[in-house]
Each structure stands twice: as C-alpha cells, then as structure tokens.
Amino acid sequence: MKIDRIETFLMHAAPPGQGGWAARNWLFVRVHTDDGLYGIGEASGWPRVVETAIQDLTPLLIGEDPQNIERLWSKMLAAMMGHGMTGVVGAGAMTGIEMALWDLKGKALGVPVWNLLGGRVRDRIRIYAHAHTTQAARGLVDAGYDAIKTGGIQNCVDTVAVIRDEVGPKVDLMVDVHGPPWLTTRDAIALGKRLEPFDLLFYEDPVAPENIDAIARVADAVDLPIAAGERHAMIWGVRELIEREIIDVVQPDTGRAGGLSQMKKIAAMAEAHYITMAPHDGSLGPVAEMAAVHLLATIPNFLILEHLADDVPQRYEVMMGQPVIEAGHILVPDTPGLGIDIVEEAIAAYPSETNVSFPEDTYDYAYVQARQGRAHWLSSEVKPPPSYRAGHIF
C-alpha cells in the first residue's frame, strides 16, 4: 500500500452575515493509496495558507507507505527546516496529513483510531459549551451540560457573576480573555483576582502567549488554574509552559498542534507535571473534533473538550458520522478509523473567503486604543451583544 494522491478541500465556515473574528475557513485533507483506501484529516492555523503548504509537502509523500506515520511526520519536518521555525502554518499542514494517515490506518486494519493510540481510558468525552447570557447558560444546563465557558474583556466579572448565580455552584465555569496583545500583565492579574470568588475551572489566555514570563507572572499572582497553548505549535511550543509548571491546563489545537502523535506527546509531558489537557476547538470543523475525541479517549490526564453547541449549519452538512452527544459528553465511537467521511458537494457549496480581518471597525489595531474604556472591563456597564460568539473580542 502506497500513497498516490493527496487532496485538499477548503471552505468558508462563518455564520451567515458575520465576519471578523467569527469568520473561519475549514480545510479538510484526503490521503489516497494505490489500493483505493483513503483517510480524512483537518488542518488549521490559517487554512488558506496551510492548503498551499500541504500541496508543497505532497510530493514528499507520494510512493510512501502510509502506515509509517512517525517516519513520514519526521520527513515533513526535516523538509521544512530550511524555511525557519515551523509555526502553526507548517504544523497545521503536517497535522492535516498526519490525521488523515491515522484515519487511513484505522480503516485498513478495521479498528478505531483510539485503539491504535493505546486503547480507551474512557468511553465518553466531557465537553463544555459557550454562554454569555444567563438565558444561554440556563439552556445549556437544561440540555445536560455541566461546564460552560464565557469570556471577553468587557463586563467579564459581571457576566460570570450572573451566570454563576443562574447555574449554581455545581456547574464548572471557565473564562477566556483571548490574550489580546494590548492587555497588560497587571490588568490580567487585576481581572483574575476579581474572578477568584467564582471557583473557575480555569482562566484562559490571560495575556498574549508570545511572552511566557508574562503568563508566569499572572499564574503566580492569581489563585486560579491557568490555561494556555492553543496558539502554539508542537511539543516545543508548549514545552516551557509545562516544564516550568506555569499552566495548570494545556490547550493544544487539534488542527494545528502538529498531529495526534504530537498531542499524545504533549499529554505525556503534561502528565509528568500534574497538568491536565483541554484541547482548543473553537475555530475547528467537525473532522478535527472527532479526531480529538479519539485521542482524548486514550490519555489519563484529559480534563474537558471545547464544543460549539450552536455552531454554523455547515458543521452538520459537510461530514458524515456526526458525534453522538449525551448529557454533556461525546460518546467515543467504535467505527474504524475516525468513523467519519466528508461530503464534497456540501463543502463546494461554501467557497472559501478570507478569514483575516479585524474584529470590528472600532478596534483600532493592537495598541492605539489599548487603554480606552479600561474602567468598563471591571464594571457592569457594557453587556455582550446578542450576536456575541465564542472567539470575539468585544
């Protein structure tokens, strides 16, 4: 069995009429072999650019045995050395291909991917969804969720307070402030201290991830578990966060972390430091989510998985083999490979559009208005708009 063809499928995945931070592209990958088998993967980390990277890597893989996944991953990494640090574009390209290889191998052997990754630790994967109003939070709890994330900067404390009052003490709450580059370390600490009374499961990306010492300062000053890692690539991207025990929860993105093998290694690194894993999934499509389910079934230090409970209609049209959700958990499937396939006709109905844009017209780049409205961040004067979606900065 040899690889003889690799295809990519790029599509627009924004909500109708929305752009800015809500605008997404999904990139799916299909690796074919000369005996008619194929595997499906998903790549993230700037999908329109990653598609070109996959096309550039494809000639390296033609004629190779797809079962030698670690060998092919190393071949791709070595091939990119001359371009400098790999980053999320290179890691995203490798992720999509590597994920497809796992799917292909599982199908070839007639076993689910979780079986190839060491077998199941659990039969279902706990998930959380997003809410920014008491009504939305109540709806999620009534639907069986026992973990909710809210976020943003404006009115964050008041939002958490009213949601906690609505759902009670037994529901886990998380806060993601998205690490904007203009949020200073002292402000992140001030916000974190105001959030301490609400017993958060974690405080996510309190500052931009480029400065690891800044994250460490927040972690030392705030009595909350700190989560980070979604904007990093591969084991080296999160190594210092883990080895210095700066974070309590590592959050690799299943579409751009470098592949399922890399995520398995990240989980092992984290386990040695009593750090749990809660992968990022806020911008990903359905294929990467199912890949995360298979991976997380196999690791002992899994905490929780992000899930978009009210995502765009495209999610339910472009993939066959949708996840089964019961009482705030995704059931781990027993079907070979990832247990999914893509629907080409549905993908083609959503041609790609750019997903590089500023959140809104009033957002004046990174620093010009950085301090404007600071008093509102810790007040109750500014409410999230009804159209607020996970991933916005408002």
Protein backbone atom coordinates (compact mmCIF):
# COMPACT_ATOMS: atom_id res chain seq x y z
CA MET A 1 0.00 0.00 0.00
CA LYS A 2 1.48 3.32 -1.13
CA ILE A 3 0.31 6.93 -1.06
CA ASP A 4 -0.58 8.02 -4.57
CA ARG A 5 -2.60 11.23 -4.15
CA ILE A 6 -3.43 13.95 -1.58
CA GLU A 7 -6.42 16.25 -1.98
CA THR A 8 -7.46 19.37 -0.07
CA PHE A 9 -10.95 20.83 0.40
CA LEU A 10 -11.17 24.44 1.57
CA MET A 11 -14.46 26.05 2.60
CA HIS A 12 -15.92 29.10 4.34
CA ALA A 13 -17.39 28.39 7.75
CA ALA A 14 -18.56 31.75 9.06
CA PRO A 15 -22.03 32.30 10.46
CA PRO A 16 -24.36 33.90 7.92
CA GLY A 17 -23.61 37.60 7.60
CA GLN A 18 -20.72 37.56 10.08
CA GLY A 19 -17.06 38.32 9.56
CA GLY A 20 -14.16 39.45 11.72
CA TRP A 21 -13.15 37.01 14.44
CA ALA A 22 -16.20 34.87 13.67
CA ALA A 23 -15.12 34.27 10.06
CA ARG A 24 -13.47 30.87 9.70
CA ASN A 25 -12.24 28.62 6.96
CA TRP A 26 -12.08 24.87 7.34
CA LEU A 27 -9.51 22.84 5.42
CA PHE A 28 -10.01 19.11 5.00
CA VAL A 29 -7.39 16.69 3.67
CA ARG A 30 -7.82 13.35 1.93
CA VAL A 31 -4.87 10.99 1.54
CA HIS A 32 -5.38 8.24 -1.10
CA THR A 33 -3.47 5.00 -1.57
CA ASP A 34 -2.91 2.91 -4.67
CA ASP A 35 -5.26 0.19 -3.42
CA GLY A 36 -8.28 2.50 -3.17
CA LEU A 37 -8.23 3.31 0.55
CA TYR A 38 -8.22 6.89 1.81
CA GLY A 39 -8.09 8.77 5.10
CA ILE A 40 -9.57 12.11 6.13
CA GLY A 41 -7.90 14.86 8.18
CA GLU A 42 -8.38 18.51 9.02
CA ALA A 43 -5.79 21.30 9.10
CA SER A 44 -5.94 24.66 10.85
CA GLY A 45 -3.60 27.52 11.66
CA TRP A 46 -4.53 29.88 8.76
CA PRO A 47 -6.21 27.36 6.46
CA ARG A 48 -5.93 29.30 3.19
CA VAL A 49 -2.16 29.38 3.59
CA VAL A 50 -1.94 25.86 5.02
CA GLU A 51 -3.55 24.48 1.86
CA THR A 52 -0.54 25.70 -0.13
CA ALA A 53 1.82 24.15 2.42
CA ILE A 54 0.09 20.78 2.04
CA GLN A 55 0.42 20.97 -1.72
CA ASP A 56 4.12 21.75 -1.27
CA LEU A 57 4.61 18.72 1.01
CA THR A 58 2.64 16.28 -1.13
CA PRO A 59 5.48 15.21 -3.49
CA LEU A 60 7.50 14.07 -0.44
CA LEU A 61 4.82 11.56 0.43
CA ILE A 62 3.87 10.08 -2.92
CA GLY A 63 5.00 6.45 -3.06
CA GLU A 64 5.49 6.19 0.72
CA ASP A 65 3.90 3.56 2.94
CA PRO A 66 1.12 5.43 4.82
CA GLN A 67 1.42 3.12 7.84
CA ASN A 68 4.79 4.62 8.83
CA ILE A 69 3.23 7.70 10.40
CA GLU A 70 6.08 8.80 12.68
CA ARG A 71 8.59 8.39 9.84
CA LEU A 72 6.53 10.48 7.44
CA TRP A 73 5.98 13.17 10.09
CA SER A 74 9.73 13.43 10.62
CA LYS A 75 10.29 13.59 6.86
CA MET A 76 7.91 16.53 6.56
CA LEU A 77 9.53 18.35 9.49
CA ALA A 78 13.01 17.90 8.05
CA ALA A 79 11.82 19.13 4.66
CA MET A 80 10.69 22.44 6.19
CA MET A 81 13.86 23.12 8.18
CA GLY A 82 15.26 25.50 5.58
CA HIS A 83 12.27 27.81 5.95
CA GLY A 84 12.93 28.57 9.61
CA MET A 85 10.73 27.85 12.62
CA THR A 86 7.76 25.78 11.54
CA GLY A 87 4.97 27.66 13.34
CA VAL A 88 1.28 26.95 13.06
CA VAL A 89 1.23 27.01 9.25
CA GLY A 90 3.77 24.22 8.92
CA ALA A 91 2.36 22.39 11.92
CA GLY A 92 -1.16 22.78 10.53
CA ALA A 93 -0.14 21.22 7.22
CA MET A 94 1.52 18.31 8.98
CA THR A 95 -1.50 17.94 11.25
CA GLY A 96 -3.98 17.54 8.40
CA ILE A 97 -1.86 14.94 6.65
CA GLU A 98 -0.96 13.04 9.82
CA MET A 99 -4.58 12.93 10.98
CA ALA A 100 -5.60 11.51 7.62
CA LEU A 101 -2.88 8.84 7.94
CA TRP A 102 -4.30 7.73 11.29
CA ASP A 103 -7.79 7.56 9.79
CA LEU A 104 -6.46 5.56 6.84
CA LYS A 105 -4.54 3.13 9.05
CA GLY A 106 -7.57 2.53 11.23
CA LYS A 107 -9.71 1.81 8.20
CA ALA A 108 -7.06 -0.51 6.75
CA LEU A 109 -6.90 -2.51 10.00
CA GLY A 110 -10.62 -2.28 10.75
CA VAL A 111 -10.13 -0.60 14.14
CA PRO A 112 -10.91 2.87 15.53
CA VAL A 113 -8.05 5.35 15.86
CA TRP A 114 -8.29 5.29 19.66
CA ASN A 115 -7.32 1.60 19.50
CA LEU A 116 -4.14 2.49 17.62
CA LEU A 117 -3.26 5.19 20.16
CA GLY A 118 -3.17 2.83 23.13
CA GLY A 119 -6.78 1.92 23.78
CA ARG A 120 -9.55 3.60 25.70
CA VAL A 121 -9.24 5.09 29.16
CA ARG A 122 -12.87 6.30 28.93
CA ASP A 123 -15.96 5.71 26.81
CA ARG A 124 -17.19 9.29 26.65
CA ILE A 125 -15.59 12.72 26.46
CA ARG A 126 -16.79 15.53 28.70
CA ILE A 127 -17.45 18.74 26.77
CA TYR A 128 -18.22 22.36 27.56
CA ALA A 129 -20.11 24.95 25.54
CA HIS A 130 -20.18 28.77 25.48
CA ALA A 131 -22.67 31.18 27.04
CA HIS A 132 -22.58 34.92 27.57
CA THR A 133 -26.07 35.44 28.98
CA THR A 134 -27.99 33.79 31.78
CA GLN A 135 -30.57 32.57 29.27
CA ALA A 136 -27.94 30.80 27.18
CA ALA A 137 -26.32 29.31 30.28
CA ARG A 138 -29.65 28.01 31.55
CA GLY A 139 -30.39 26.47 28.16
CA LEU A 140 -27.09 24.59 28.19
CA VAL A 141 -27.59 23.28 31.71
CA ASP A 142 -31.11 22.17 30.83
CA ALA A 143 -29.62 20.37 27.81
CA GLY A 144 -27.29 18.38 30.07
CA TYR A 145 -24.06 20.43 30.07
CA ASP A 146 -22.31 20.85 33.41
CA ALA A 147 -19.47 23.07 32.15
CA ILE A 148 -19.74 26.50 30.50
CA LYS A 149 -17.21 28.99 29.21
CA THR A 150 -17.68 32.72 28.86
CA GLY A 151 -15.15 35.39 28.06
CA GLY A 152 -14.05 38.63 26.52
CA ILE A 153 -12.83 41.66 28.43
CA GLN A 154 -15.80 43.99 28.68
CA ASN A 155 -18.07 43.25 31.63
CA CYS A 156 -16.38 39.89 32.23
CA VAL A 157 -16.75 39.86 36.01
CA ASP A 158 -20.42 40.80 35.99
CA THR A 159 -21.15 38.25 33.27
CA VAL A 160 -19.52 35.47 35.30
CA ALA A 161 -21.34 36.61 38.44
CA VAL A 162 -24.81 36.44 36.93
CA ILE A 163 -24.10 33.14 35.17
CA ARG A 164 -22.79 31.61 38.41
CA ASP A 165 -25.90 32.82 40.21
CA GLU A 166 -28.09 31.30 37.49
CA VAL A 167 -26.47 27.86 37.21
CA GLY A 168 -25.38 27.34 40.82
CA PRO A 169 -22.14 26.04 42.35
CA LYS A 170 -22.05 22.60 40.74
CA VAL A 171 -21.53 23.76 37.15
CA ASP A 172 -17.92 24.36 36.14
CA LEU A 173 -17.28 27.84 34.72
CA MET A 174 -14.32 28.94 32.62
CA VAL A 175 -13.23 32.38 31.41
CA ASP A 176 -11.27 33.06 28.21
CA VAL A 177 -9.99 36.59 27.69
CA HIS A 178 -8.29 35.55 24.40
CA GLY A 179 -4.85 37.01 25.21
CA PRO A 180 -5.12 40.26 23.21
CA PRO A 181 -1.69 41.88 22.67
CA TRP A 182 -2.74 45.12 24.36
CA LEU A 183 -3.89 43.56 27.66
CA THR A 184 -1.12 44.25 30.17
CA THR A 185 0.05 41.72 32.72
CA ARG A 186 -1.14 43.89 35.62
CA ASP A 187 -4.60 44.19 34.09
CA ALA A 188 -4.77 40.44 33.55
CA ILE A 189 -3.87 39.99 37.22
CA ALA A 190 -6.47 42.54 38.33
CA LEU A 191 -9.15 40.80 36.28
CA GLY A 192 -8.08 37.37 37.53
CA LYS A 193 -8.29 38.49 41.17
CA ARG A 194 -11.83 39.74 40.60
CA LEU A 195 -12.69 36.30 39.17
CA GLU A 196 -11.25 34.26 42.05
CA PRO A 197 -14.50 34.08 44.10
CA PHE A 198 -16.29 32.24 41.27
CA ASP A 199 -14.25 29.00 41.54
CA LEU A 200 -13.33 28.79 37.86
CA LEU A 201 -12.22 25.55 36.28
CA PHE A 202 -9.61 27.67 34.52
CA TYR A 203 -8.63 31.23 33.49
CA GLU A 204 -7.64 31.00 29.82
CA ASP A 205 -5.06 33.01 27.87
CA PRO A 206 -4.91 35.89 30.38
CA VAL A 207 -2.19 37.57 28.29
CA ALA A 208 -0.82 37.14 24.79
CA PRO A 209 1.15 33.86 24.54
CA GLU A 210 4.32 35.24 22.97
CA ASN A 211 5.75 36.35 26.35
CA ILE A 212 5.93 33.28 28.55
CA ASP A 213 7.24 35.24 31.54
CA ALA A 214 4.10 37.40 31.45
CA ILE A 215 1.92 34.30 31.72
CA ALA A 216 4.11 33.15 34.62
CA ARG A 217 3.59 36.46 36.44
CA VAL A 218 -0.18 36.10 36.13
CA ALA A 219 -0.05 32.49 37.31
CA ASP A 220 1.99 33.46 40.38
CA ALA A 221 -0.35 36.32 41.32
CA VAL A 222 -3.79 34.82 40.71
CA ASP A 223 -5.34 31.98 42.69
CA LEU A 224 -6.96 30.32 39.67
CA PRO A 225 -5.87 27.46 37.39
CA ILE A 226 -4.26 28.94 34.27
CA ALA A 227 -4.89 27.51 30.79
CA ALA A 228 -2.96 28.23 27.58
CA GLY A 229 -1.48 26.62 24.50
CA GLU A 230 -4.00 26.94 21.66
CA ARG A 231 -1.78 29.31 19.66
CA HIS A 232 1.37 27.20 19.99
CA ALA A 233 2.65 24.51 17.65
CA MET A 234 4.09 21.09 18.51
CA ILE A 235 5.79 19.87 21.68
CA TRP A 236 8.41 22.61 21.59
CA GLY A 237 5.78 25.34 21.56
CA VAL A 238 4.35 24.33 24.95
CA ARG A 239 7.49 22.79 26.45
CA GLU A 240 8.40 25.74 28.68
CA LEU A 241 4.82 26.29 29.84
CA ILE A 242 4.76 22.68 31.00
CA GLU A 243 8.29 22.23 32.33
CA ARG A 244 8.16 25.44 34.36
CA GLU A 245 4.67 24.44 35.56
CA ILE A 246 3.32 27.87 34.59
CA ILE A 247 -0.01 26.46 33.46
CA ASP A 248 -2.42 24.01 35.01
CA VAL A 249 -4.25 23.14 31.78
CA VAL A 250 -2.62 22.75 28.37
CA GLN A 251 -4.82 23.51 25.35
CA PRO A 252 -3.30 22.34 22.06
CA ASP A 253 -5.46 22.91 18.99
CA THR A 254 -6.24 19.59 17.30
CA GLY A 255 -5.96 21.19 13.84
CA ARG A 256 -2.59 22.90 14.24
CA ALA A 257 -0.68 21.29 17.13
CA GLY A 258 1.29 19.07 14.73
CA GLY A 259 -0.82 15.92 14.70
CA LEU A 260 -2.32 13.35 17.02
CA SER A 261 1.11 11.94 17.86
CA GLN A 262 2.30 15.38 18.92
CA MET A 263 -0.78 15.85 21.08
CA LYS A 264 -0.23 12.44 22.67
CA LYS A 265 3.34 13.51 23.47
CA ILE A 266 2.13 16.85 24.87
CA ALA A 267 -0.28 14.95 27.10
CA ALA A 268 2.56 12.77 28.37
CA MET A 269 4.78 15.78 29.06
CA ALA A 270 1.90 17.40 30.94
CA GLU A 271 1.10 14.25 32.91
CA ALA A 272 4.61 14.26 34.37
CA HIS A 273 3.89 17.71 35.82
CA TYR A 274 0.31 17.01 37.00
CA ILE A 275 -1.07 19.24 34.24
CA THR A 276 -4.32 18.33 32.53
CA MET A 277 -5.29 18.67 28.85
CA ALA A 278 -8.32 20.51 27.46
CA PRO A 279 -7.84 20.95 23.70
CA HIS A 280 -8.96 24.08 21.89
CA ASP A 281 -11.75 23.54 19.37
CA GLY A 282 -13.36 26.96 18.95
CA SER A 283 -12.43 27.55 15.31
CA LEU A 284 -12.20 23.96 14.11
CA GLY A 285 -14.53 21.94 11.94
CA PRO A 286 -16.15 18.57 12.67
CA VAL A 287 -13.32 16.31 11.47
CA ALA A 288 -10.78 17.71 13.95
CA GLU A 289 -13.34 17.44 16.74
CA MET A 290 -13.81 13.73 16.07
CA ALA A 291 -10.04 13.26 15.95
CA ALA A 292 -9.83 14.93 19.37
CA VAL A 293 -12.46 12.53 20.72
CA HIS A 294 -10.36 9.53 19.65
CA LEU A 295 -7.19 11.00 21.15
CA LEU A 296 -8.78 12.08 24.41
CA ALA A 297 -10.27 8.65 24.94
CA THR A 298 -6.69 7.39 25.37
CA ILE A 299 -4.99 9.85 27.75
CA PRO A 300 -5.26 9.70 31.55
CA ASN A 301 -4.91 13.46 32.20
CA PHE A 302 -7.77 14.62 29.98
CA LEU A 303 -9.87 17.38 31.57
CA ILE A 304 -12.52 18.60 29.11
CA LEU A 305 -13.03 19.38 25.39
CA GLU A 306 -14.38 22.59 23.89
CA HIS A 307 -17.54 22.16 21.81
CA LEU A 308 -19.61 24.64 19.82
CA ALA A 309 -23.12 23.66 20.77
CA ASP A 310 -24.69 26.28 18.49
CA ASP A 311 -22.27 26.23 15.57
CA VAL A 312 -22.91 27.16 11.96
CA PRO A 313 -25.16 24.93 9.79
CA GLN A 314 -22.15 23.93 7.71
CA ARG A 315 -20.83 21.74 10.52
CA TYR A 316 -23.76 19.37 10.18
CA GLU A 317 -23.71 19.26 6.38
CA VAL A 318 -20.10 18.62 5.42
CA MET A 319 -19.35 15.47 7.44
CA MET A 320 -20.99 12.07 7.67
CA GLY A 321 -20.71 10.45 11.07
CA GLN A 322 -21.72 13.24 13.44
CA PRO A 323 -20.80 12.94 17.12
CA VAL A 324 -23.35 11.45 19.49
CA ILE A 325 -23.87 13.79 22.45
CA GLU A 326 -25.43 12.64 25.70
CA ALA A 327 -25.60 14.61 28.96
CA GLY A 328 -22.75 16.95 28.11
CA HIS A 329 -20.47 14.21 26.72
CA ILE A 330 -19.50 12.95 23.27
CA LEU A 331 -19.62 9.18 23.07
CA VAL A 332 -16.42 7.55 21.79
CA PRO A 333 -17.24 5.74 18.51
CA ASP A 334 -16.29 2.15 17.69
CA THR A 335 -16.20 2.54 13.89
CA PRO A 336 -12.90 2.03 12.01
CA GLY A 337 -10.60 4.99 11.60
CA LEU A 338 -12.13 8.24 12.77
CA GLY A 339 -15.56 6.93 11.85
CA ILE A 340 -16.33 9.86 9.54
CA ASP A 341 -16.22 10.99 5.91
CA ILE A 342 -16.57 14.35 4.20
CA VAL A 343 -19.36 15.39 1.83
CA GLU A 344 -17.70 17.03 -1.18
CA GLU A 345 -20.89 18.54 -2.59
CA ALA A 346 -21.70 20.25 0.70
CA ILE A 347 -18.17 21.63 1.02
CA ALA A 348 -18.32 23.01 -2.53
CA ALA A 349 -21.46 24.96 -1.61
CA TYR A 350 -19.38 27.19 0.70
CA PRO A 351 -16.46 28.58 -1.33
CA SER A 352 -13.60 29.93 0.73
CA GLU A 353 -13.42 33.57 1.70
CA THR A 354 -10.68 35.33 3.56
CA ASN A 355 -10.55 34.86 7.31
CA VAL A 356 -8.06 37.63 8.03
CA SER A 357 -9.84 40.71 9.37
CA PHE A 358 -10.10 42.88 12.42
CA PRO A 359 -12.84 42.13 14.92
CA GLU A 360 -14.82 45.31 14.32
CA ASP A 361 -14.46 48.83 12.93
CA THR A 362 -13.92 50.33 16.38
CA TYR A 363 -10.98 48.03 17.15
CA ASP A 364 -8.06 50.33 16.34
CA TYR A 365 -5.36 47.74 15.69
CA ALA A 366 -3.28 46.47 18.58
CA TYR A 367 -2.21 49.37 20.74
CA VAL A 368 -3.64 52.72 19.65
CA GLN A 369 -6.77 52.38 21.79
CA ALA A 370 -5.37 49.79 24.15
CA ARG A 371 -6.24 51.63 27.35
CA GLN A 372 -9.55 53.11 26.22
CA GLY A 373 -12.51 52.05 28.33
CA ARG A 374 -10.38 50.29 30.93
CA ALA A 375 -12.88 51.03 33.70
CA HIS A 376 -15.53 49.06 31.82
CA TRP A 377 -13.52 45.86 31.95
CA LEU A 378 -14.18 45.51 35.66
CA SER A 379 -17.67 47.05 35.68
CA SER A 380 -21.17 46.04 34.70
CA GLU A 381 -21.82 48.82 32.23
CA VAL A 382 -21.07 47.07 28.96
CA LYS A 383 -23.02 43.95 28.02
CA PRO A 384 -22.07 41.42 25.33
CA PRO A 385 -24.21 41.98 22.22
CA PRO A 386 -26.86 39.34 21.45
CA SER A 387 -24.82 38.25 18.44
CA TYR A 388 -21.69 37.57 20.54
CA ARG A 389 -19.96 34.31 19.56
CA ALA A 390 -17.01 32.47 21.04
CA GLY A 391 -13.78 33.88 19.65
CA HIS A 392 -14.88 37.52 19.53
CA ILE A 393 -13.05 40.23 21.39
CA PHE A 394 -15.59 42.90 22.32
